[in-house]
C-alpha atoms as a PDB file:
ATOM      1  CA  MET A   1       7.233  87.108 -37.623  1.00  0.00           C
ATOM      2  CA  LYS A   2       9.399  84.985 -35.334  1.00  0.00           C
ATOM      3  CA  LYS A   3      10.164  81.448 -36.439  1.00  0.00           C
ATOM      4  CA  ILE A   4      10.254  78.970 -33.546  1.00  0.00           C
ATOM      5  CA  LEU A   5      11.371  75.357 -33.641  1.00  0.00           C
ATOM      6  CA  ILE A   6      10.158  73.071 -30.854  1.00  0.00           C
ATOM      7  CA  THR A   7      12.255  69.966 -30.242  1.00  0.00           C
ATOM      8  CA  GLY A   8      10.057  67.168 -28.986  1.00  0.00           C
ATOM      9  CA  LYS A   9       7.202  66.558 -31.386  1.00  0.00           C
ATOM     10  CA  ASN A  10       4.853  64.997 -28.831  1.00  0.00           C
ATOM     11  CA  SER A  11       5.939  66.980 -25.774  1.00  0.00           C
ATOM     12  CA  TYR A  12       3.081  68.192 -23.573  1.00  0.00           C
ATOM     13  CA  VAL A  13       4.812  71.528 -22.900  1.00  0.00           C
ATOM     14  CA  GLY A  14       5.817  71.943 -26.543  1.00  0.00           C
ATOM     15  CA  LYS A  15       2.369  71.189 -27.950  1.00  0.00           C
ATOM     16  CA  SER A  16       0.813  73.520 -25.366  1.00  0.00           C
ATOM     17  CA  LEU A  17       3.115  76.372 -26.393  1.00  0.00           C
ATOM     18  CA  GLU A  18       2.319  75.745 -30.049  1.00  0.00           C
ATOM     19  CA  LYS A  19      -1.409  76.014 -29.291  1.00  0.00           C
ATOM     20  CA  TRP A  20      -0.903  79.101 -27.103  1.00  0.00           C
ATOM     21  CA  LEU A  21       1.139  81.045 -29.657  1.00  0.00           C
ATOM     22  CA  GLY A  22      -1.182  79.936 -32.448  1.00  0.00           C
ATOM     23  CA  LYS A  23      -3.671  82.519 -31.169  1.00  0.00           C
ATOM     24  CA  TYR A  24      -1.381  85.333 -32.315  1.00  0.00           C
ATOM     25  CA  LEU A  25      -1.956  85.161 -36.057  1.00  0.00           C
ATOM     26  CA  GLY A  26       0.928  86.452 -38.119  1.00  0.00           C
ATOM     27  CA  LYS A  27       3.258  86.964 -35.149  1.00  0.00           C
ATOM     28  CA  TYR A  28       4.786  83.514 -34.756  1.00  0.00           C
ATOM     29  CA  SER A  29       5.563  80.629 -37.076  1.00  0.00           C
ATOM     30  CA  LEU A  30       5.983  77.334 -35.224  1.00  0.00           C
ATOM     31  CA  SER A  31       7.145  73.900 -36.234  1.00  0.00           C
ATOM     32  CA  SER A  32       8.352  70.890 -34.303  1.00  0.00           C
ATOM     33  CA  VAL A  33      10.868  68.126 -34.845  1.00  0.00           C
ATOM     34  CA  SER A  34      11.236  64.704 -33.243  1.00  0.00           C
ATOM     35  CA  LEU A  35      14.606  63.776 -31.750  1.00  0.00           C
ATOM     36  CA  ARG A  36      13.819  60.078 -31.381  1.00  0.00           C
ATOM     37  CA  THR A  37      16.066  59.229 -34.344  1.00  0.00           C
ATOM     38  CA  ASP A  38      19.107  60.974 -35.815  1.00  0.00           C
ATOM     39  CA  SER A  39      17.086  62.383 -38.720  1.00  0.00           C
ATOM     40  CA  TRP A  40      16.842  65.750 -36.906  1.00  0.00           C
ATOM     41  CA  LYS A  41      20.543  66.287 -37.619  1.00  0.00           C
ATOM     42  CA  GLU A  42      19.702  66.734 -41.299  1.00  0.00           C
ATOM     43  CA  LYS A  43      17.152  69.462 -40.599  1.00  0.00           C
ATOM     44  CA  GLU A  44      18.171  73.029 -41.338  1.00  0.00           C
ATOM     45  CA  PHE A  45      18.052  75.203 -38.211  1.00  0.00           C
ATOM     46  CA  SER A  46      19.065  78.305 -40.140  1.00  0.00           C
ATOM     47  CA  GLY A  47      16.087  80.579 -40.577  1.00  0.00           C
ATOM     48  CA  TYR A  48      14.721  79.872 -37.108  1.00  0.00           C
ATOM     49  CA  ASP A  49      14.929  82.651 -34.529  1.00  0.00           C
ATOM     50  CA  VAL A  50      14.310  80.465 -31.479  1.00  0.00           C
ATOM     51  CA  VAL A  51      14.744  76.812 -30.545  1.00  0.00           C
ATOM     52  CA  PHE A  52      12.596  75.703 -27.596  1.00  0.00           C
ATOM     53  CA  HIS A  53      14.150  72.474 -26.374  1.00  0.00           C
ATOM     54  CA  VAL A  54      11.669  70.385 -24.408  1.00  0.00           C
ATOM     55  CA  ALA A  55      12.619  66.882 -25.574  1.00  0.00           C
ATOM     56  CA  GLY A  56      13.763  64.698 -22.691  1.00  0.00           C
ATOM     57  CA  ILE A  57      13.057  61.792 -20.383  1.00  0.00           C
ATOM     58  CA  ALA A  58      10.795  62.232 -17.362  1.00  0.00           C
ATOM     59  CA  HIS A  59       7.948  60.487 -15.534  1.00  0.00           C
ATOM     60  CA  ILE A  60       9.505  57.024 -15.732  1.00  0.00           C
ATOM     61  CA  LYS A  61      10.824  55.017 -12.818  1.00  0.00           C
ATOM     62  CA  GLU A  62      14.590  55.306 -12.509  1.00  0.00           C
ATOM     63  CA  THR A  63      16.573  52.066 -12.559  1.00  0.00           C
ATOM     64  CA  LYS A  64      20.210  51.069 -12.966  1.00  0.00           C
ATOM     65  CA  GLU A  65      19.350  49.891 -16.449  1.00  0.00           C
ATOM     66  CA  ASN A  66      17.948  53.221 -17.668  1.00  0.00           C
ATOM     67  CA  ALA A  67      20.379  55.537 -15.839  1.00  0.00           C
ATOM     68  CA  GLU A  68      22.633  55.985 -18.881  1.00  0.00           C
ATOM     69  CA  LEU A  69      19.628  56.916 -21.022  1.00  0.00           C
ATOM     70  CA  TYR A  70      18.900  59.969 -18.844  1.00  0.00           C
ATOM     71  CA  TYR A  71      22.346  61.396 -19.559  1.00  0.00           C
ATOM     72  CA  LYS A  72      22.279  60.467 -23.228  1.00  0.00           C
ATOM     73  CA  VAL A  73      18.932  62.203 -23.792  1.00  0.00           C
ATOM     74  CA  ASN A  74      18.630  64.936 -21.164  1.00  0.00           C
ATOM     75  CA  ARG A  75      22.290  66.031 -21.219  1.00  0.00           C
ATOM     76  CA  ASP A  76      24.126  64.985 -24.376  1.00  0.00           C
ATOM     77  CA  LEU A  77      21.242  65.515 -26.782  1.00  0.00           C
ATOM     78  CA  THR A  78      20.534  68.934 -25.284  1.00  0.00           C
ATOM     79  CA  TYR A  79      24.115  70.030 -25.934  1.00  0.00           C
ATOM     80  CA  GLU A  80      24.076  68.652 -29.488  1.00  0.00           C
ATOM     81  CA  VAL A  81      20.881  70.536 -30.323  1.00  0.00           C
ATOM     82  CA  ALA A  82      22.146  73.773 -28.718  1.00  0.00           C
ATOM     83  CA  HIS A  83      25.481  73.538 -30.535  1.00  0.00           C
ATOM     84  CA  LYS A  84      23.728  72.982 -33.883  1.00  0.00           C
ATOM     85  CA  ALA A  85      21.370  75.891 -33.176  1.00  0.00           C
ATOM     86  CA  LYS A  86      24.292  78.237 -32.472  1.00  0.00           C
ATOM     87  CA  SER A  87      26.346  77.131 -35.459  1.00  0.00           C
ATOM     88  CA  GLU A  88      23.378  77.637 -37.816  1.00  0.00           C
ATOM     89  CA  GLY A  89      22.515  81.143 -36.669  1.00  0.00           C
ATOM     90  CA  VAL A  90      19.618  80.663 -34.250  1.00  0.00           C
ATOM     91  CA  LYS A  91      19.325  83.697 -31.990  1.00  0.00           C
ATOM     92  CA  GLN A  92      17.915  82.105 -28.817  1.00  0.00           C
ATOM     93  CA  PHE A  93      17.923  78.660 -27.223  1.00  0.00           C
ATOM     94  CA  ILE A  94      15.371  78.015 -24.461  1.00  0.00           C
ATOM     95  CA  PHE A  95      15.977  74.906 -22.367  1.00  0.00           C
ATOM     96  CA  LEU A  96      13.268  73.382 -20.196  1.00  0.00           C
ATOM     97  CA  SER A  97      15.128  72.262 -17.080  1.00  0.00           C
ATOM     98  CA  SER A  98      13.591  71.401 -13.695  1.00  0.00           C
ATOM     99  CA  MET A  99      13.281  72.242 -10.020  1.00  0.00           C
ATOM    100  CA  SER A 100      14.872  68.801  -9.497  1.00  0.00           C
ATOM    101  CA  VAL A 101      18.340  70.311  -9.976  1.00  0.00           C
ATOM    102  CA  TYR A 102      18.174  71.385  -6.313  1.00  0.00           C
ATOM    103  CA  GLY A 103      17.718  67.825  -5.076  1.00  0.00           C
ATOM    104  CA  ILE A 104      15.386  68.636  -2.198  1.00  0.00           C
ATOM    105  CA  GLU A 105      11.913  67.315  -1.442  1.00  0.00           C
ATOM    106  CA  SER A 106      10.946  69.968   1.088  1.00  0.00           C
ATOM    107  CA  GLY A 107      12.009  73.485   1.940  1.00  0.00           C
ATOM    108  CA  VAL A 108      12.282  76.954   0.451  1.00  0.00           C
ATOM    109  CA  ILE A 109      14.497  77.508  -2.577  1.00  0.00           C
ATOM    110  CA  ASN A 110      16.116  80.898  -3.116  1.00  0.00           C
ATOM    111  CA  ARG A 111      18.787  82.191  -5.468  1.00  0.00           C
ATOM    112  CA  LYS A 112      21.550  81.072  -3.104  1.00  0.00           C
ATOM    113  CA  SER A 113      20.242  77.515  -2.672  1.00  0.00           C
ATOM    114  CA  PRO A 114      22.870  74.905  -3.597  1.00  0.00           C
ATOM    115  CA  LEU A 115      22.452  72.742  -6.676  1.00  0.00           C
ATOM    116  CA  ASN A 116      22.656  69.167  -5.431  1.00  0.00           C
ATOM    117  CA  PRO A 117      20.400  66.866  -7.499  1.00  0.00           C
ATOM    118  CA  LYS A 118      19.793  63.365  -6.153  1.00  0.00           C
ATOM    119  CA  SER A 119      18.073  61.686  -9.112  1.00  0.00           C
ATOM    120  CA  ASN A 120      19.468  60.871 -12.550  1.00  0.00           C
ATOM    121  CA  TYR A 121      16.757  63.129 -13.935  1.00  0.00           C
ATOM    122  CA  GLY A 122      17.923  66.096 -11.857  1.00  0.00           C
ATOM    123  CA  LYS A 123      21.620  65.377 -12.412  1.00  0.00           C
ATOM    124  CA  SER A 124      21.232  65.072 -16.176  1.00  0.00           C
ATOM    125  CA  LYS A 125      19.254  68.326 -16.348  1.00  0.00           C
ATOM    126  CA  LEU A 126      21.878  70.216 -14.324  1.00  0.00           C
ATOM    127  CA  GLU A 127      24.753  68.811 -16.370  1.00  0.00           C
ATOM    128  CA  ALA A 128      22.925  69.903 -19.523  1.00  0.00           C
ATOM    129  CA  GLU A 129      22.625  73.427 -18.116  1.00  0.00           C
ATOM    130  CA  GLU A 130      26.351  73.502 -17.387  1.00  0.00           C
ATOM    131  CA  LEU A 131      27.187  72.406 -20.933  1.00  0.00           C
ATOM    132  CA  ILE A 132      25.004  74.906 -22.778  1.00  0.00           C
ATOM    133  CA  LYS A 133      25.699  78.037 -20.696  1.00  0.00           C
ATOM    134  CA  PRO A 134      29.207  78.557 -22.164  1.00  0.00           C
ATOM    135  CA  LEU A 135      27.715  78.574 -25.687  1.00  0.00           C
ATOM    136  CA  GLU A 136      26.073  81.940 -25.049  1.00  0.00           C
ATOM    137  CA  ASN A 137      27.369  85.100 -26.658  1.00  0.00           C
ATOM    138  CA  GLU A 138      25.928  88.369 -27.987  1.00  0.00           C
ATOM    139  CA  LYS A 139      24.388  86.622 -30.978  1.00  0.00           C
ATOM    140  CA  PHE A 140      23.199  83.452 -29.210  1.00  0.00           C
ATOM    141  CA  LYS A 141      21.094  83.828 -26.083  1.00  0.00           C
ATOM    142  CA  VAL A 142      20.568  80.908 -23.698  1.00  0.00           C
ATOM    143  CA  ALA A 143      17.509  80.852 -21.411  1.00  0.00           C
ATOM    144  CA  ILE A 144      17.177  78.103 -18.793  1.00  0.00           C
ATOM    145  CA  VAL A 145      13.722  77.556 -17.297  1.00  0.00           C
ATOM    146  CA  ARG A 146      13.369  75.607 -14.028  1.00  0.00           C
ATOM    147  CA  PRO A 147       9.634  75.223 -13.452  1.00  0.00           C
ATOM    148  CA  PRO A 148       8.088  73.505 -10.434  1.00  0.00           C
ATOM    149  CA  MET A 149       5.351  70.905 -10.967  1.00  0.00           C
ATOM    150  CA  ILE A 150       3.527  71.628 -14.236  1.00  0.00           C
ATOM    151  CA  TYR A 151      -0.164  70.802 -14.507  1.00  0.00           C
ATOM    152  CA  GLY A 152      -3.016  71.253 -16.927  1.00  0.00           C
ATOM    153  CA  LYS A 153      -5.455  69.259 -19.011  1.00  0.00           C
ATOM    154  CA  GLY A 154      -3.663  66.230 -20.449  1.00  0.00           C
ATOM    155  CA  CYS A 155      -0.602  66.553 -18.213  1.00  0.00           C
ATOM    156  CA  LYS A 156       1.371  63.677 -16.713  1.00  0.00           C
ATOM    157  CA  GLY A 157       3.084  63.174 -13.377  1.00  0.00           C
ATOM    158  CA  ASN A 158       2.200  63.848  -9.742  1.00  0.00           C
ATOM    159  CA  TYR A 159      -0.867  65.983 -10.459  1.00  0.00           C
ATOM    160  CA  VAL A 160      -2.558  63.104 -12.287  1.00  0.00           C
ATOM    161  CA  ARG A 161      -1.935  60.743  -9.364  1.00  0.00           C
ATOM    162  CA  LEU A 162      -3.392  63.249  -6.897  1.00  0.00           C
ATOM    163  CA  ALA A 163      -6.388  63.857  -9.154  1.00  0.00           C
ATOM    164  CA  LYS A 164      -7.164  60.143  -9.350  1.00  0.00           C
ATOM    165  CA  PHE A 165      -6.912  59.868  -5.568  1.00  0.00           C
ATOM    166  CA  ALA A 166      -9.199  62.875  -5.113  1.00  0.00           C
ATOM    167  CA  LEU A 167     -11.975  61.048  -6.961  1.00  0.00           C
ATOM    168  CA  ILE A 168     -11.929  57.929  -4.785  1.00  0.00           C
ATOM    169  CA  THR A 169     -11.152  59.052  -1.246  1.00  0.00           C
ATOM    170  CA  PRO A 170     -13.871  60.308   1.144  1.00  0.00           C
ATOM    171  CA  VAL A 171     -11.332  61.892   3.545  1.00  0.00           C
ATOM    172  CA  PHE A 172      -7.984  63.649   3.203  1.00  0.00           C
ATOM    173  CA  PRO A 173      -5.519  65.038   5.779  1.00  0.00           C
ATOM    174  CA  ASP A 174      -5.843  68.777   6.312  1.00  0.00           C
ATOM    175  CA  ILE A 175      -2.206  69.790   6.630  1.00  0.00           C
ATOM    176  CA  GLU A 176      -0.921  73.336   6.267  1.00  0.00           C
ATOM    177  CA  ASN A 177       1.744  73.131   3.591  1.00  0.00           C
ATOM    178  CA  LYS A 178       2.878  75.135   0.577  1.00  0.00           C
ATOM    179  CA  ARG A 179       3.875  73.943  -2.895  1.00  0.00           C
ATOM    180  CA  SER A 180       5.073  75.863  -5.908  1.00  0.00           C
ATOM    181  CA  MET A 181       3.228  74.811  -9.058  1.00  0.00           C
ATOM    182  CA  ILE A 182       2.625  76.303 -12.480  1.00  0.00           C
ATOM    183  CA  TYR A 183      -0.405  75.969 -14.724  1.00  0.00           C
ATOM    184  CA  ILE A 184       0.485  75.158 -18.320  1.00  0.00           C
ATOM    185  CA  ASP A 185      -1.049  78.348 -19.779  1.00  0.00           C
ATOM    186  CA  ASN A 186       0.924  80.446 -17.294  1.00  0.00           C
ATOM    187  CA  LEU A 187       4.097  78.630 -18.347  1.00  0.00           C
ATOM    188  CA  SER A 188       3.288  79.098 -22.034  1.00  0.00           C
ATOM    189  CA  GLU A 189       2.765  82.827 -21.500  1.00  0.00           C
ATOM    190  CA  PHE A 190       6.058  83.012 -19.609  1.00  0.00           C
ATOM    191  CA  VAL A 191       7.910  81.341 -22.494  1.00  0.00           C
ATOM    192  CA  LYS A 192       6.200  83.767 -24.897  1.00  0.00           C
ATOM    193  CA  ILE A 193       7.678  86.652 -22.875  1.00  0.00           C
ATOM    194  CA  LEU A 194      11.152  85.090 -23.090  1.00  0.00           C
ATOM    195  CA  ILE A 195      10.767  84.709 -26.854  1.00  0.00           C
ATOM    196  CA  ASP A 196       9.488  88.266 -27.360  1.00  0.00           C
ATOM    197  CA  GLY A 197      12.472  89.733 -25.512  1.00  0.00           C
ATOM    198  CA  TYR A 198      15.151  87.237 -26.555  1.00  0.00           C
ATOM    199  CA  ASN A 199      15.842  86.955 -22.823  1.00  0.00           C
ATOM    200  CA  SER A 200      18.774  85.017 -21.423  1.00  0.00           C
ATOM    201  CA  GLY A 201      19.524  83.728 -17.937  1.00  0.00           C
ATOM    202  CA  THR A 202      17.954  81.270 -15.512  1.00  0.00           C
ATOM    203  CA  PHE A 203      14.260  81.600 -14.711  1.00  0.00           C
ATOM    204  CA  PHE A 204      11.886  80.212 -12.073  1.00  0.00           C
ATOM    205  CA  PRO A 205       8.273  80.717 -13.191  1.00  0.00           C
ATOM    206  CA  GLN A 206       5.446  79.686 -10.849  1.00  0.00           C
ATOM    207  CA  ASN A 207       1.808  80.527 -10.173  1.00  0.00           C
ATOM    208  CA  SER A 208       1.170  83.716  -8.240  1.00  0.00           C
ATOM    209  CA  GLU A 209      -0.158  81.639  -5.307  1.00  0.00           C
ATOM    210  CA  TYR A 210       1.403  78.748  -3.428  1.00  0.00           C
ATOM    211  CA  VAL A 211      -0.800  75.653  -3.329  1.00  0.00           C
ATOM    212  CA  ARG A 212      -1.875  73.671  -0.261  1.00  0.00           C
ATOM    213  CA  THR A 213      -2.162  69.954  -1.067  1.00  0.00           C
ATOM    214  CA  SER A 214      -5.455  69.471   0.784  1.00  0.00           C
ATOM    215  CA  GLU A 215      -6.939  72.506  -0.970  1.00  0.00           C
ATOM    216  CA  LEU A 216      -5.792  71.112  -4.315  1.00  0.00           C
ATOM    217  CA  VAL A 217      -7.375  67.695  -3.692  1.00  0.00           C
ATOM    218  CA  LYS A 218     -10.615  69.224  -2.420  1.00  0.00           C
ATOM    219  CA  SER A 219     -10.816  71.573  -5.426  1.00  0.00           C
ATOM    220  CA  ILE A 220     -10.311  68.716  -7.881  1.00  0.00           C
ATOM    221  CA  ALA A 221     -13.070  66.714  -6.185  1.00  0.00           C
ATOM    222  CA  GLU A 222     -15.451  69.686  -6.229  1.00  0.00           C
ATOM    223  CA  MET A 223     -14.958  70.072  -9.991  1.00  0.00           C
ATOM    224  CA  HIS A 224     -16.429  66.574 -10.282  1.00  0.00           C
ATOM    225  CA  GLU A 225     -19.228  67.334  -7.787  1.00  0.00           C
ATOM    226  CA  LYS A 226     -17.663  65.098  -5.154  1.00  0.00           C
ATOM    227  CA  ASN A 227     -17.266  66.049  -1.506  1.00  0.00           C
ATOM    228  CA  ILE A 228     -14.161  65.306   0.545  1.00  0.00           C
ATOM    229  CA  TRP A 229     -13.949  65.653   4.299  1.00  0.00           C
ATOM    230  CA  LEU A 230     -10.706  67.357   5.296  1.00  0.00           C
ATOM    231  CA  THR A 231      -9.566  66.236   8.738  1.00  0.00           C
ATOM    232  CA  ARG A 232      -6.632  66.935  11.042  1.00  0.00           C
ATOM    233  CA  LEU A 233      -7.160  63.661  12.850  1.00  0.00           C
ATOM    234  CA  PHE A 234      -4.215  61.986  11.091  1.00  0.00           C
ATOM    235  CA  ASN A 235      -1.830  64.958  11.309  1.00  0.00           C
ATOM    236  CA  PRO A 236       0.113  63.848  14.427  1.00  0.00           C
ATOM    237  CA  LEU A 237       0.774  60.438  12.862  1.00  0.00           C
ATOM    238  CA  LEU A 238       1.813  61.901   9.525  1.00  0.00           C
ATOM    239  CA  ARG A 239       4.266  64.226  11.264  1.00  0.00           C
ATOM    240  CA  LEU A 240       5.925  61.229  12.901  1.00  0.00           C
ATOM    241  CA  LEU A 241       6.201  59.246   9.687  1.00  0.00           C
ATOM    242  CA  LYS A 242       9.059  60.010   7.346  1.00  0.00           C
ATOM    243  CA  GLY A 243       9.435  59.145   3.718  1.00  0.00           C
ATOM    244  CA  SER A 244       9.903  60.491   0.230  1.00  0.00           C
ATOM    245  CA  THR A 245       6.255  60.057  -0.759  1.00  0.00           C
ATOM    246  CA  LEU A 246       4.932  61.869   2.318  1.00  0.00           C
ATOM    247  CA  ASN A 247       7.349  64.748   1.727  1.00  0.00           C
ATOM    248  CA  LYS A 248       6.243  65.058  -1.876  1.00  0.00           C
ATOM    249  CA  VAL A 249       2.596  65.203  -0.867  1.00  0.00           C
ATOM    250  CA  PHE A 250       2.539  67.066   2.449  1.00  0.00           C
ATOM    251  CA  GLY A 251       5.879  68.852   2.728  1.00  0.00           C
ATOM    252  CA  ASP A 252       6.637  72.443   1.809  1.00  0.00           C
ATOM    253  CA  LEU A 253       8.523  72.907  -1.448  1.00  0.00           C
ATOM    254  CA  VAL A 254       8.499  76.396  -2.889  1.00  0.00           C
ATOM    255  CA  TYR A 255      10.479  78.944  -4.814  1.00  0.00           C
ATOM    256  CA  GLU A 256      10.882  82.174  -2.891  1.00  0.00           C
ATOM    257  CA  LYS A 257       8.372  84.562  -4.464  1.00  0.00           C
ATOM    258  CA  GLY A 258      10.990  87.146  -5.439  1.00  0.00           C
ATOM    259  CA  MET A 259      12.674  84.658  -7.773  1.00  0.00           C
ATOM    260  CA  SER A 260       9.654  84.514 -10.046  1.00  0.00           C
ATOM    261  CA  GLU A 261       8.773  88.173 -10.419  1.00  0.00           C
ATOM    262  CA  ASN A 262       8.718  89.520 -13.952  1.00  0.00           C
ATOM    263  CA  GLU A 263       8.073  92.981 -15.339  1.00  0.00           C
ATOM    264  CA  SER A 264       5.551  91.470 -17.750  1.00  0.00           C
ATOM    265  CA  PRO A 265       2.803  89.511 -15.921  1.00  0.00           C
ATOM    266  CA  TYR A 266       2.357  85.921 -17.051  1.00  0.00           C
ATOM    267  CA  TYR A 267      -0.336  84.901 -14.540  1.00  0.00           C
ATOM    268  CA  ILE A 268      -3.081  84.183 -17.062  1.00  0.00           C
ATOM    269  CA  CYS A 269      -5.023  81.874 -14.733  1.00  0.00           C
ATOM    270  CA  ASP A 270      -5.520  81.953 -10.965  1.00  0.00           C
ATOM    271  CA  PHE A 271      -5.529  78.705  -8.990  1.00  0.00           C
ATOM    272  CA  TYR A 272      -9.255  77.891  -9.047  1.00  0.00           C
ATOM    273  CA  SER A 273      -9.657  78.811 -12.706  1.00  0.00           C
ATOM    274  CA  SER A 274      -6.686  76.620 -13.590  1.00  0.00           C
ATOM    275  CA  ILE A 275      -8.169  73.623 -11.766  1.00  0.00           C
ATOM    276  CA  SER A 276     -11.465  74.158 -13.566  1.00  0.00           C
ATOM    277  CA  MET A 277      -9.659  74.319 -16.923  1.00  0.00           C
ATOM    278  CA  THR A 278      -7.669  71.180 -16.076  1.00  0.00           C
ATOM    279  CA  GLU A 279     -10.557  69.077 -14.819  1.00  0.00           C
ATOM    280  CA  ARG A 280     -13.460  70.384 -16.894  1.00  0.00           C
ATOM    281  CA  GLY A 281     -11.688  71.988 -19.839  1.00  0.00           C
ATOM    282  CA  LYS A 282     -13.533  75.239 -19.195  1.00  0.00           C
END
């Protein structure tokens, strides 16, 4: 039985993994610890095989006032936890990083794409990666996971905003674009594979299919028995307009498919099934 410690007691990804691995009775033993106070420093890490570090700051508006907090939590705390894990005999440290380390809002990311984060979130995640990589040796494996947008029932972030919009708008632009996304159960299965193999390296899990924004919005609406008219009437205007929000919604942002291939399949849910599970819970 593998003993796994999840850092981030109320983390959406952490709680989802705990539920996912809970199906395998007798194979995994999971517990979680909060890092909101310094009490975690008194906890014994010895005896755990894996630390899955998901604690961090995300989904809050960045300001000058909270900039330092990103680095304190996402970077410094990550290194402290990894260092403690190594010194107390943990075999594997899995760090949940982000696609944001690339600093682009549209385009295709491949293995040669430069790391140039623009936000404090992306910068702090990348700096954390750079601090924990040198800790790796034969007895301490470091796995860095850079997922694209994560979605699923109870998630936060951009998916929730799109879902709310899908339920109130009668029309939506029909633009051909591609986005990398990953459904939470697919991500949980991917992390399970990393744990089973004590894998190390940098990983880029995503759904087997790219997602078109208009198809996503229409699918969400259909799950609630609501019809949306997709139109290309606004496309010429949208192509002329520039802005961060438009890029996030209608631009292409994908991982090259070859980056995400794995010998063990982790595609538990296809796109339509995942939307049904997210919106209906079934």
